[in-house]
Every structure is written in C-alpha cells, then in structure tokens.
Amino acid sequence: MTLKIKWNSLCFYIDKVPQTNSAKDYLSDIVVFNLRKTEEILMVFPNGKLIDHNSENFNRNFKDNRSTYLITKENYNTESRMEIVEFIEKLIKKITD
C-alpha cells in the first residue's frame, strides 16, 4: 500500500492495480482521510460499494461506488475499529483479486 494526496487529503492506495485513463476510475484507491475538522475524521472509500457490508456506520448514499465512515469521539471504540479493519481487508481482497 502506498500513500498519495487526493482531494487535498491523505489517500492510501494499492500501486499494483492498473489504472485506466478515465478520471473517474479510482480502482486502486482504498481510503481517503478527510482531516479538515478537528473533532472528527471522515474516511472516504472510493470503492466502498463493492463490499456487501451491513453496517449503519457506513454511508452509501452516493451515485458512484463511494461509501464513507465518520469517526467521532462518541462512536470510536474497539467494535468500530474492528469493523473498519474488516471492511478494509475485504476491500483490498476484492480489488486485488
């Protein structure tokens, strides 16, 4: 996994997945961290809809493949960390298979 800047934010991506010439093809992007607010972290998963994940913590109300996860002091705990880790592991497996 490699780090780059995307949308003026930190983005982790897999550099072994071929990119197409389309500006809307974010297949290799795993997660973008929006750190603009001090009291929360918005995790944007450009390909989050590729994973069938039943969690109310993920927002999938986007027309593209995006999903988001908002981390706040109130909702960040061991259970939410495990949920995020599990989601990222499934997403990496789906993208690299």
PDB file of N, CA and C in Angstrom:
ATOM      1  N   MET A   1       0.842  -1.164   0.000  1.00  0.00           N
ATOM      2  CA  MET A   1       0.000   0.000   0.000  1.00  0.00           C
ATOM      3  C   MET A   1       0.894   1.236   0.000  1.00  0.00           C
ATOM      4  N   THR A   2       0.434   2.249  -0.695  1.00  0.00           N
ATOM      5  CA  THR A   2       1.204   3.469  -0.872  1.00  0.00           C
ATOM      6  C   THR A   2       0.341   4.670  -0.499  1.00  0.00           C
ATOM      7  N   LEU A   3       0.999   5.744  -0.155  1.00  0.00           N
ATOM      8  CA  LEU A   3       0.315   6.968   0.256  1.00  0.00           C
ATOM      9  C   LEU A   3       0.470   8.032  -0.825  1.00  0.00           C
ATOM     10  N   LYS A   4      -0.632   8.760  -1.087  1.00  0.00           N
ATOM     11  CA  LYS A   4      -0.590   9.888  -2.019  1.00  0.00           C
ATOM     12  C   LYS A   4      -1.562  10.950  -1.516  1.00  0.00           C
ATOM     13  N   ILE A   5      -1.572  12.080  -2.182  1.00  0.00           N
ATOM     14  CA  ILE A   5      -2.519  13.148  -1.868  1.00  0.00           C
ATOM     15  C   ILE A   5      -3.633  13.116  -2.914  1.00  0.00           C
ATOM     16  N   LYS A   6      -4.870  13.072  -2.450  1.00  0.00           N
ATOM     17  CA  LYS A   6      -6.039  13.070  -3.326  1.00  0.00           C
ATOM     18  C   LYS A   6      -7.077  13.976  -2.691  1.00  0.00           C
ATOM     19  N   TRP A   7      -7.677  14.866  -3.462  1.00  0.00           N
ATOM     20  CA  TRP A   7      -8.671  15.804  -2.953  1.00  0.00           C
ATOM     21  C   TRP A   7      -8.104  16.597  -1.763  1.00  0.00           C
ATOM     22  N   ASN A   8      -6.817  16.924  -1.793  1.00  0.00           N
ATOM     23  CA  ASN A   8      -6.108  17.621  -0.712  1.00  0.00           C
ATOM     24  C   ASN A   8      -6.158  16.856   0.607  1.00  0.00           C
ATOM     25  N   SER A   9      -6.196  15.541   0.524  1.00  0.00           N
ATOM     26  CA  SER A   9      -6.252  14.681   1.711  1.00  0.00           C
ATOM     27  C   SER A   9      -5.320  13.493   1.519  1.00  0.00           C
ATOM     28  N   LEU A  10      -5.027  12.809   2.627  1.00  0.00           N
ATOM     29  CA  LEU A  10      -4.209  11.604   2.565  1.00  0.00           C
ATOM     30  C   LEU A  10      -5.011  10.466   1.958  1.00  0.00           C
ATOM     31  N   CYS A  11      -4.401   9.745   1.039  1.00  0.00           N
ATOM     32  CA  CYS A  11      -5.069   8.632   0.377  1.00  0.00           C
ATOM     33  C   CYS A  11      -4.130   7.430   0.364  1.00  0.00           C
ATOM     34  N   PHE A  12      -4.638   6.299   0.833  1.00  0.00           N
ATOM     35  CA  PHE A  12      -3.900   5.046   0.735  1.00  0.00           C
ATOM     36  C   PHE A  12      -4.438   4.281  -0.463  1.00  0.00           C
ATOM     37  N   TYR A  13      -3.518   3.780  -1.281  1.00  0.00           N
ATOM     38  CA  TYR A  13      -3.918   3.051  -2.474  1.00  0.00           C
ATOM     39  C   TYR A  13      -2.971   1.898  -2.725  1.00  0.00           C
ATOM     40  N   ILE A  14      -3.416   0.975  -3.556  1.00  0.00           N
ATOM     41  CA  ILE A  14      -2.595  -0.168  -3.941  1.00  0.00           C
ATOM     42  C   ILE A  14      -1.963   0.159  -5.282  1.00  0.00           C
ATOM     43  N   ASP A  15      -0.662   0.182  -5.319  1.00  0.00           N
ATOM     44  CA  ASP A  15       0.018   0.611  -6.554  1.00  0.00           C
ATOM     45  C   ASP A  15       0.165  -0.498  -7.585  1.00  0.00           C
ATOM     46  N   LYS A  16      -0.285  -1.707  -7.300  1.00  0.00           N
ATOM     47  CA  LYS A  16      -0.171  -2.801  -8.254  1.00  0.00           C
ATOM     48  C   LYS A  16      -1.417  -2.985  -9.109  1.00  0.00           C
ATOM     49  N   VAL A  17      -2.472  -2.225  -8.826  1.00  0.00           N
ATOM     50  CA  VAL A  17      -3.700  -2.326  -9.602  1.00  0.00           C
ATOM     51  C   VAL A  17      -3.607  -1.359 -10.774  1.00  0.00           C
ATOM     52  N   PRO A  18      -3.783  -1.840 -12.017  1.00  0.00           N
ATOM     53  CA  PRO A  18      -3.657  -0.937 -13.168  1.00  0.00           C
ATOM     54  C   PRO A  18      -4.760   0.109 -13.188  1.00  0.00           C
ATOM     55  N   GLN A  19      -4.381   1.314 -13.487  1.00  0.00           N
ATOM     56  CA  GLN A  19      -5.327   2.425 -13.635  1.00  0.00           C
ATOM     57  C   GLN A  19      -5.703   2.542 -15.106  1.00  0.00           C
ATOM     58  N   THR A  20      -6.922   2.928 -15.372  1.00  0.00           N
ATOM     59  CA  THR A  20      -7.309   3.218 -16.750  1.00  0.00           C
ATOM     60  C   THR A  20      -7.110   4.712 -16.980  1.00  0.00           C
ATOM     61  N   ASN A  21      -7.437   5.163 -18.148  1.00  0.00           N
ATOM     62  CA  ASN A  21      -7.290   6.576 -18.465  1.00  0.00           C
ATOM     63  C   ASN A  21      -8.459   7.417 -17.986  1.00  0.00           C
ATOM     64  N   SER A  22      -9.488   6.791 -17.448  1.00  0.00           N
ATOM     65  CA  SER A  22     -10.668   7.515 -17.001  1.00  0.00           C
ATOM     66  C   SER A  22     -10.392   8.254 -15.697  1.00  0.00           C
ATOM     67  N   ALA A  23     -10.786   9.522 -15.645  1.00  0.00           N
ATOM     68  CA  ALA A  23     -10.595  10.321 -14.424  1.00  0.00           C
ATOM     69  C   ALA A  23     -11.464   9.811 -13.288  1.00  0.00           C
ATOM     70  N   LYS A  24     -12.527   9.071 -13.608  1.00  0.00           N
ATOM     71  CA  LYS A  24     -13.433   8.567 -12.572  1.00  0.00           C
ATOM     72  C   LYS A  24     -13.086   7.156 -12.121  1.00  0.00           C
ATOM     73  N   ASP A  25     -12.006   6.587 -12.626  1.00  0.00           N
ATOM     74  CA  ASP A  25     -11.626   5.235 -12.241  1.00  0.00           C
ATOM     75  C   ASP A  25     -10.652   5.290 -11.075  1.00  0.00           C
ATOM     76  N   TYR A  26     -11.148   4.972  -9.904  1.00  0.00           N
ATOM     77  CA  TYR A  26     -10.335   5.004  -8.682  1.00  0.00           C
ATOM     78  C   TYR A  26     -10.134   3.596  -8.142  1.00  0.00           C
ATOM     79  N   LEU A  27      -9.995   2.632  -9.015  1.00  0.00           N
ATOM     80  CA  LEU A  27      -9.965   1.240  -8.601  1.00  0.00           C
ATOM     81  C   LEU A  27      -8.883   0.940  -7.568  1.00  0.00           C
ATOM     82  N   SER A  28      -7.743   1.572  -7.664  1.00  0.00           N
ATOM     83  CA  SER A  28      -6.655   1.259  -6.748  1.00  0.00           C
ATOM     84  C   SER A  28      -6.750   2.005  -5.422  1.00  0.00           C
ATOM     85  N   ASP A  29      -7.625   2.990  -5.315  1.00  0.00           N
ATOM     86  CA  ASP A  29      -7.751   3.762  -4.075  1.00  0.00           C
ATOM     87  C   ASP A  29      -8.517   2.965  -3.021  1.00  0.00           C
ATOM     88  N   ILE A  30      -7.943   2.888  -1.834  1.00  0.00           N
ATOM     89  CA  ILE A  30      -8.578   2.162  -0.732  1.00  0.00           C
ATOM     90  C   ILE A  30      -9.348   3.124   0.159  1.00  0.00           C
ATOM     91  N   VAL A  31      -8.663   4.113   0.713  1.00  0.00           N
ATOM     92  CA  VAL A  31      -9.327   5.043   1.630  1.00  0.00           C
ATOM     93  C   VAL A  31      -8.666   6.417   1.559  1.00  0.00           C
ATOM     94  N   VAL A  32      -9.503   7.439   1.629  1.00  0.00           N
ATOM     95  CA  VAL A  32      -9.044   8.827   1.693  1.00  0.00           C
ATOM     96  C   VAL A  32      -9.495   9.379   3.041  1.00  0.00           C
ATOM     97  N   PHE A  33      -8.566   9.999   3.766  1.00  0.00           N
ATOM     98  CA  PHE A  33      -8.870  10.553   5.081  1.00  0.00           C
ATOM     99  C   PHE A  33      -9.103  12.052   4.978  1.00  0.00           C
ATOM    100  N   ASN A  34     -10.306  12.477   5.289  1.00  0.00           N
ATOM    101  CA  ASN A  34     -10.632  13.897   5.338  1.00  0.00           C
ATOM    102  C   ASN A  34     -10.409  14.347   6.779  1.00  0.00           C
ATOM    103  N   LEU A  35      -9.363  15.142   6.985  1.00  0.00           N
ATOM    104  CA  LEU A  35      -8.961  15.577   8.334  1.00  0.00           C
ATOM    105  C   LEU A  35      -9.210  17.059   8.554  1.00  0.00           C
ATOM    106  N   ARG A  36     -10.132  17.636   7.841  1.00  0.00           N
ATOM    107  CA  ARG A  36     -10.339  19.078   7.912  1.00  0.00           C
ATOM    108  C   ARG A  36     -10.964  19.553   9.210  1.00  0.00           C
ATOM    109  N   LYS A  37     -11.750  18.709   9.856  1.00  0.00           N
ATOM    110  CA  LYS A  37     -12.367  19.092  11.126  1.00  0.00           C
ATOM    111  C   LYS A  37     -11.589  18.447  12.264  1.00  0.00           C
ATOM    112  N   THR A  38     -11.376  19.188  13.334  1.00  0.00           N
ATOM    113  CA  THR A  38     -10.567  18.670  14.433  1.00  0.00           C
ATOM    114  C   THR A  38     -11.296  17.643  15.286  1.00  0.00           C
ATOM    115  N   GLU A  39     -12.612  17.666  15.288  1.00  0.00           N
ATOM    116  CA  GLU A  39     -13.366  16.768  16.167  1.00  0.00           C
ATOM    117  C   GLU A  39     -13.825  15.487  15.485  1.00  0.00           C
ATOM    118  N   GLU A  40     -13.490  15.311  14.203  1.00  0.00           N
ATOM    119  CA  GLU A  40     -13.918  14.101  13.500  1.00  0.00           C
ATOM    120  C   GLU A  40     -12.992  13.776  12.340  1.00  0.00           C
ATOM    121  N   ILE A  41     -13.061  12.528  11.905  1.00  0.00           N
ATOM    122  CA  ILE A  41     -12.319  12.059  10.734  1.00  0.00           C
ATOM    123  C   ILE A  41     -13.340  11.417   9.799  1.00  0.00           C
ATOM    124  N   LEU A  42     -13.359  11.863   8.568  1.00  0.00           N
ATOM    125  CA  LEU A  42     -14.227  11.256   7.570  1.00  0.00           C
ATOM    126  C   LEU A  42     -13.372  10.359   6.687  1.00  0.00           C
ATOM    127  N   MET A  43     -13.676   9.072   6.719  1.00  0.00           N
ATOM    128  CA  MET A  43     -12.984   8.117   5.860  1.00  0.00           C
ATOM    129  C   MET A  43     -13.840   7.923   4.614  1.00  0.00           C
ATOM    130  N   VAL A  44     -13.261   8.216   3.447  1.00  0.00           N
ATOM    131  CA  VAL A  44     -13.971   8.048   2.176  1.00  0.00           C
ATOM    132  C   VAL A  44     -13.380   6.831   1.478  1.00  0.00           C
ATOM    133  N   PHE A  45     -14.235   5.881   1.156  1.00  0.00           N
ATOM    134  CA  PHE A  45     -13.826   4.672   0.440  1.00  0.00           C
ATOM    135  C   PHE A  45     -14.348   4.796  -0.991  1.00  0.00           C
ATOM    136  N   PRO A  46     -13.489   5.175  -1.953  1.00  0.00           N
ATOM    137  CA  PRO A  46     -13.947   5.382  -3.326  1.00  0.00           C
ATOM    138  C   PRO A  46     -14.608   4.150  -3.950  1.00  0.00           C
ATOM    139  N   ASN A  47     -14.286   2.966  -3.454  1.00  0.00           N
ATOM    140  CA  ASN A  47     -14.868   1.722  -3.970  1.00  0.00           C
ATOM    141  C   ASN A  47     -15.642   0.973  -2.899  1.00  0.00           C
ATOM    142  N   GLY A  48     -16.150   1.679  -1.930  1.00  0.00           N
ATOM    143  CA  GLY A  48     -16.805   1.053  -0.789  1.00  0.00           C
ATOM    144  C   GLY A  48     -18.038   0.245  -1.107  1.00  0.00           C
ATOM    145  N   LYS A  49     -18.747   0.605  -2.167  1.00  0.00           N
ATOM    146  CA  LYS A  49     -19.961  -0.142  -2.525  1.00  0.00           C
ATOM    147  C   LYS A  49     -19.650  -1.505  -3.129  1.00  0.00           C
ATOM    148  N   LEU A  50     -18.389  -1.782  -3.418  1.00  0.00           N
ATOM    149  CA  LEU A  50     -18.018  -3.098  -3.936  1.00  0.00           C
ATOM    150  C   LEU A  50     -18.146  -4.174  -2.864  1.00  0.00           C
ATOM    151  N   ILE A  51     -18.187  -3.764  -1.610  1.00  0.00           N
ATOM    152  CA  ILE A  51     -18.247  -4.697  -0.488  1.00  0.00           C
ATOM    153  C   ILE A  51     -19.664  -4.699   0.075  1.00  0.00           C
ATOM    154  N   ASP A  52     -20.231  -5.896   0.198  1.00  0.00           N
ATOM    155  CA  ASP A  52     -21.543  -6.037   0.817  1.00  0.00           C
ATOM    156  C   ASP A  52     -21.340  -6.011   2.324  1.00  0.00           C
ATOM    157  N   HIS A  53     -21.633  -4.878   2.924  1.00  0.00           N
ATOM    158  CA  HIS A  53     -21.368  -4.686   4.347  1.00  0.00           C
ATOM    159  C   HIS A  53     -22.593  -4.067   5.001  1.00  0.00           C
ATOM    160  N   ASN A  54     -23.173  -4.783   5.921  1.00  0.00           N
ATOM    161  CA  ASN A  54     -24.386  -4.301   6.596  1.00  0.00           C
ATOM    162  C   ASN A  54     -24.018  -3.592   7.886  1.00  0.00           C
ATOM    163  N   SER A  55     -23.787  -2.319   7.785  1.00  0.00           N
ATOM    164  CA  SER A  55     -23.449  -1.522   8.949  1.00  0.00           C
ATOM    165  C   SER A  55     -24.080  -0.151   8.808  1.00  0.00           C
ATOM    166  N   GLU A  56     -24.704   0.305   9.854  1.00  0.00           N
ATOM    167  CA  GLU A  56     -25.305   1.637   9.817  1.00  0.00           C
ATOM    168  C   GLU A  56     -24.259   2.738   9.898  1.00  0.00           C
ATOM    169  N   ASN A  57     -23.017   2.394  10.223  1.00  0.00           N
ATOM    170  CA  ASN A  57     -21.955   3.393  10.321  1.00  0.00           C
ATOM    171  C   ASN A  57     -21.420   3.826   8.958  1.00  0.00           C
ATOM    172  N   PHE A  58     -21.686   3.035   7.934  1.00  0.00           N
ATOM    173  CA  PHE A  58     -21.229   3.370   6.589  1.00  0.00           C
ATOM    174  C   PHE A  58     -22.342   4.080   5.839  1.00  0.00           C
ATOM    175  N   ASN A  59     -21.997   5.213   5.238  1.00  0.00           N
ATOM    176  CA  ASN A  59     -22.940   5.959   4.413  1.00  0.00           C
ATOM    177  C   ASN A  59     -22.702   5.562   2.963  1.00  0.00           C
ATOM    178  N   ARG A  60     -23.724   5.028   2.315  1.00  0.00           N
ATOM    179  CA  ARG A  60     -23.610   4.602   0.919  1.00  0.00           C
ATOM    180  C   ARG A  60     -24.547   5.379   0.015  1.00  0.00           C
ATOM    181  N   ASN A  61     -24.966   6.540   0.421  1.00  0.00           N
ATOM    182  CA  ASN A  61     -25.925   7.327  -0.348  1.00  0.00           C
ATOM    183  C   ASN A  61     -25.236   8.169  -1.413  1.00  0.00           C
ATOM    184  N   PHE A  62     -24.518   7.506  -2.288  1.00  0.00           N
ATOM    185  CA  PHE A  62     -23.818   8.171  -3.378  1.00  0.00           C
ATOM    186  C   PHE A  62     -24.171   7.468  -4.680  1.00  0.00           C
ATOM    187  N   LYS A  63     -24.117   8.183  -5.784  1.00  0.00           N
ATOM    188  CA  LYS A  63     -24.447   7.591  -7.082  1.00  0.00           C
ATOM    189  C   LYS A  63     -23.302   6.726  -7.616  1.00  0.00           C
ATOM    190  N   ASP A  64     -22.096   6.976  -7.156  1.00  0.00           N
ATOM    191  CA  ASP A  64     -20.961   6.189  -7.614  1.00  0.00           C
ATOM    192  C   ASP A  64     -20.676   5.065  -6.600  1.00  0.00           C
ATOM    193  N   ASN A  65     -19.502   4.484  -6.648  1.00  0.00           N
ATOM    194  CA  ASN A  65     -19.140   3.361  -5.773  1.00  0.00           C
ATOM    195  C   ASN A  65     -18.700   3.780  -4.380  1.00  0.00           C
ATOM    196  N   ARG A  66     -18.750   5.051  -4.087  1.00  0.00           N
ATOM    197  CA  ARG A  66     -18.234   5.580  -2.832  1.00  0.00           C
ATOM    198  C   ARG A  66     -19.066   5.173  -1.615  1.00  0.00           C
ATOM    199  N   SER A  67     -18.392   5.035  -0.493  1.00  0.00           N
ATOM    200  CA  SER A  67     -19.052   4.975   0.808  1.00  0.00           C
ATOM    201  C   SER A  67     -18.156   5.721   1.792  1.00  0.00           C
ATOM    202  N   THR A  68     -18.743   6.183   2.880  1.00  0.00           N
ATOM    203  CA  THR A  68     -17.978   6.940   3.868  1.00  0.00           C
ATOM    204  C   THR A  68     -18.220   6.387   5.252  1.00  0.00           C
ATOM    205  N   TYR A  69     -17.294   6.680   6.140  1.00  0.00           N
ATOM    206  CA  TYR A  69     -17.393   6.288   7.542  1.00  0.00           C
ATOM    207  C   TYR A  69     -16.920   7.487   8.364  1.00  0.00           C
ATOM    208  N   LEU A  70     -17.794   8.002   9.205  1.00  0.00           N
ATOM    209  CA  LEU A  70     -17.459   9.166  10.026  1.00  0.00           C
ATOM    210  C   LEU A  70     -17.027   8.702  11.412  1.00  0.00           C
ATOM    211  N   ILE A  71     -15.807   9.075  11.802  1.00  0.00           N
ATOM    212  CA  ILE A  71     -15.283   8.731  13.122  1.00  0.00           C
ATOM    213  C   ILE A  71     -15.358   9.960  14.015  1.00  0.00           C
ATOM    214  N   THR A  72     -16.009   9.785  15.156  1.00  0.00           N
ATOM    215  CA  THR A  72     -16.090  10.847  16.160  1.00  0.00           C
ATOM    216  C   THR A  72     -15.668  10.264  17.507  1.00  0.00           C
ATOM    217  N   LYS A  73     -15.506  11.110  18.485  1.00  0.00           N
ATOM    218  CA  LYS A  73     -15.166  10.636  19.833  1.00  0.00           C
ATOM    219  C   LYS A  73     -16.237   9.698  20.362  1.00  0.00           C
ATOM    220  N   GLU A  74     -17.479   9.976  20.001  1.00  0.00           N
ATOM    221  CA  GLU A  74     -18.591   9.200  20.522  1.00  0.00           C
ATOM    222  C   GLU A  74     -18.697   7.799  19.921  1.00  0.00           C
ATOM    223  N   ASN A  75     -18.330   7.635  18.653  1.00  0.00           N
ATOM    224  CA  ASN A  75     -18.533   6.328  18.027  1.00  0.00           C
ATOM    225  C   ASN A  75     -17.251   5.525  17.823  1.00  0.00           C
ATOM    226  N   TYR A  76     -16.115   6.041  18.240  1.00  0.00           N
ATOM    227  CA  TYR A  76     -14.861   5.312  18.026  1.00  0.00           C
ATOM    228  C   TYR A  76     -14.562   4.446  19.231  1.00  0.00           C
ATOM    229  N   ASN A  77     -14.602   3.142  19.035  1.00  0.00           N
ATOM    230  CA  ASN A  77     -14.330   2.175  20.094  1.00  0.00           C
ATOM    231  C   ASN A  77     -13.763   0.905  19.465  1.00  0.00           C
ATOM    232  N   THR A  78     -13.564  -0.123  20.275  1.00  0.00           N
ATOM    233  CA  THR A  78     -12.978  -1.366  19.774  1.00  0.00           C
ATOM    234  C   THR A  78     -13.837  -1.980  18.675  1.00  0.00           C
ATOM    235  N   GLU A  79     -15.132  -1.947  18.845  1.00  0.00           N
ATOM    236  CA  GLU A  79     -16.040  -2.528  17.848  1.00  0.00           C
ATOM    237  C   GLU A  79     -15.955  -1.786  16.519  1.00  0.00           C
ATOM    238  N   SER A  80     -15.929  -0.474  16.562  1.00  0.00           N
ATOM    239  CA  SER A  80     -15.852   0.296  15.315  1.00  0.00           C
ATOM    240  C   SER A  80     -14.489   0.114  14.639  1.00  0.00           C
ATOM    241  N   ARG A  81     -13.423   0.015  15.421  1.00  0.00           N
ATOM    242  CA  ARG A  81     -12.090  -0.230  14.838  1.00  0.00           C
ATOM    243  C   ARG A  81     -12.078  -1.563  14.097  1.00  0.00           C
ATOM    244  N   MET A  82     -12.646  -2.595  14.727  1.00  0.00           N
ATOM    245  CA  MET A  82     -12.677  -3.912  14.104  1.00  0.00           C
ATOM    246  C   MET A  82     -13.535  -3.897  12.838  1.00  0.00           C
ATOM    247  N   GLU A  83     -14.614  -3.161  12.874  1.00  0.00           N
ATOM    248  CA  GLU A  83     -15.484  -3.040  11.711  1.00  0.00           C
ATOM    249  C   GLU A  83     -14.739  -2.395  10.542  1.00  0.00           C
ATOM    250  N   ILE A  84     -13.979  -1.346  10.825  1.00  0.00           N
ATOM    251  CA  ILE A  84     -13.201  -0.662   9.787  1.00  0.00           C
ATOM    252  C   ILE A  84     -12.113  -1.575   9.234  1.00  0.00           C
ATOM    253  N   VAL A  85     -11.397  -2.257  10.113  1.00  0.00           N
ATOM    254  CA  VAL A  85     -10.325  -3.167   9.684  1.00  0.00           C
ATOM    255  C   VAL A  85     -10.890  -4.276   8.804  1.00  0.00           C
ATOM    256  N   GLU A  86     -11.986  -4.871   9.226  1.00  0.00           N
ATOM    257  CA  GLU A  86     -12.616  -5.940   8.453  1.00  0.00           C
ATOM    258  C   GLU A  86     -13.053  -5.434   7.075  1.00  0.00           C
ATOM    259  N   PHE A  87     -13.626  -4.252   7.046  1.00  0.00           N
ATOM    260  CA  PHE A  87     -14.068  -3.666   5.788  1.00  0.00           C
ATOM    261  C   PHE A  87     -12.892  -3.430   4.848  1.00  0.00           C
ATOM    262  N   ILE A  88     -11.811  -2.852   5.362  1.00  0.00           N
ATOM    263  CA  ILE A  88     -10.627  -2.572   4.535  1.00  0.00           C
ATOM    264  C   ILE A  88     -10.012  -3.869   4.022  1.00  0.00           C
ATOM    265  N   GLU A  89      -9.940  -4.888   4.857  1.00  0.00           N
ATOM    266  CA  GLU A  89      -9.389  -6.181   4.419  1.00  0.00           C
ATOM    267  C   GLU A  89     -10.221  -6.760   3.283  1.00  0.00           C
ATOM    268  N   LYS A  90     -11.554  -6.716   3.403  1.00  0.00           N
ATOM    269  CA  LYS A  90     -12.427  -7.223   2.332  1.00  0.00           C
ATOM    270  C   LYS A  90     -12.265  -6.398   1.066  1.00  0.00           C
ATOM    271  N   LEU A  91     -12.130  -5.097   1.211  1.00  0.00           N
ATOM    272  CA  LEU A  91     -11.987  -4.223   0.054  1.00  0.00           C
ATOM    273  C   LEU A  91     -10.682  -4.483  -0.684  1.00  0.00           C
ATOM    274  N   ILE A  92      -9.599  -4.637   0.053  1.00  0.00           N
ATOM    275  CA  ILE A  92      -8.300  -4.947  -0.578  1.00  0.00           C
ATOM    276  C   ILE A  92      -8.362  -6.277  -1.309  1.00  0.00           C
ATOM    277  N   LYS A  93      -8.949  -7.267  -0.683  1.00  0.00           N
ATOM    278  CA  LYS A  93      -9.075  -8.582  -1.331  1.00  0.00           C
ATOM    279  C   LYS A  93      -9.900  -8.478  -2.606  1.00  0.00           C
ATOM    280  N   LYS A  94     -11.009  -7.764  -2.559  1.00  0.00           N
ATOM    281  CA  LYS A  94     -11.873  -7.602  -3.743  1.00  0.00           C
ATOM    282  C   LYS A  94     -11.142  -6.881  -4.868  1.00  0.00           C
ATOM    283  N   ILE A  95     -10.406  -5.852  -4.549  1.00  0.00           N
ATOM    284  CA  ILE A  95      -9.713  -5.062  -5.562  1.00  0.00           C
ATOM    285  C   ILE A  95      -8.544  -5.817  -6.176  1.00  0.00           C
ATOM    286  N   THR A  96      -7.846  -6.617  -5.387  1.00  0.00           N
ATOM    287  CA  THR A  96      -6.647  -7.297  -5.880  1.00  0.00           C
ATOM    288  C   THR A  96      -6.933  -8.662  -6.493  1.00  0.00           C
ATOM    289  N   ASP A  97      -8.124  -9.191  -6.311  1.00  0.00           N
ATOM    290  CA  ASP A  97      -8.464 -10.498  -6.912  1.00  0.00           C
ATOM    291  C   ASP A  97      -8.784 -10.377  -8.378  1.00  0.00           C
TER     292      ASP A  97
END
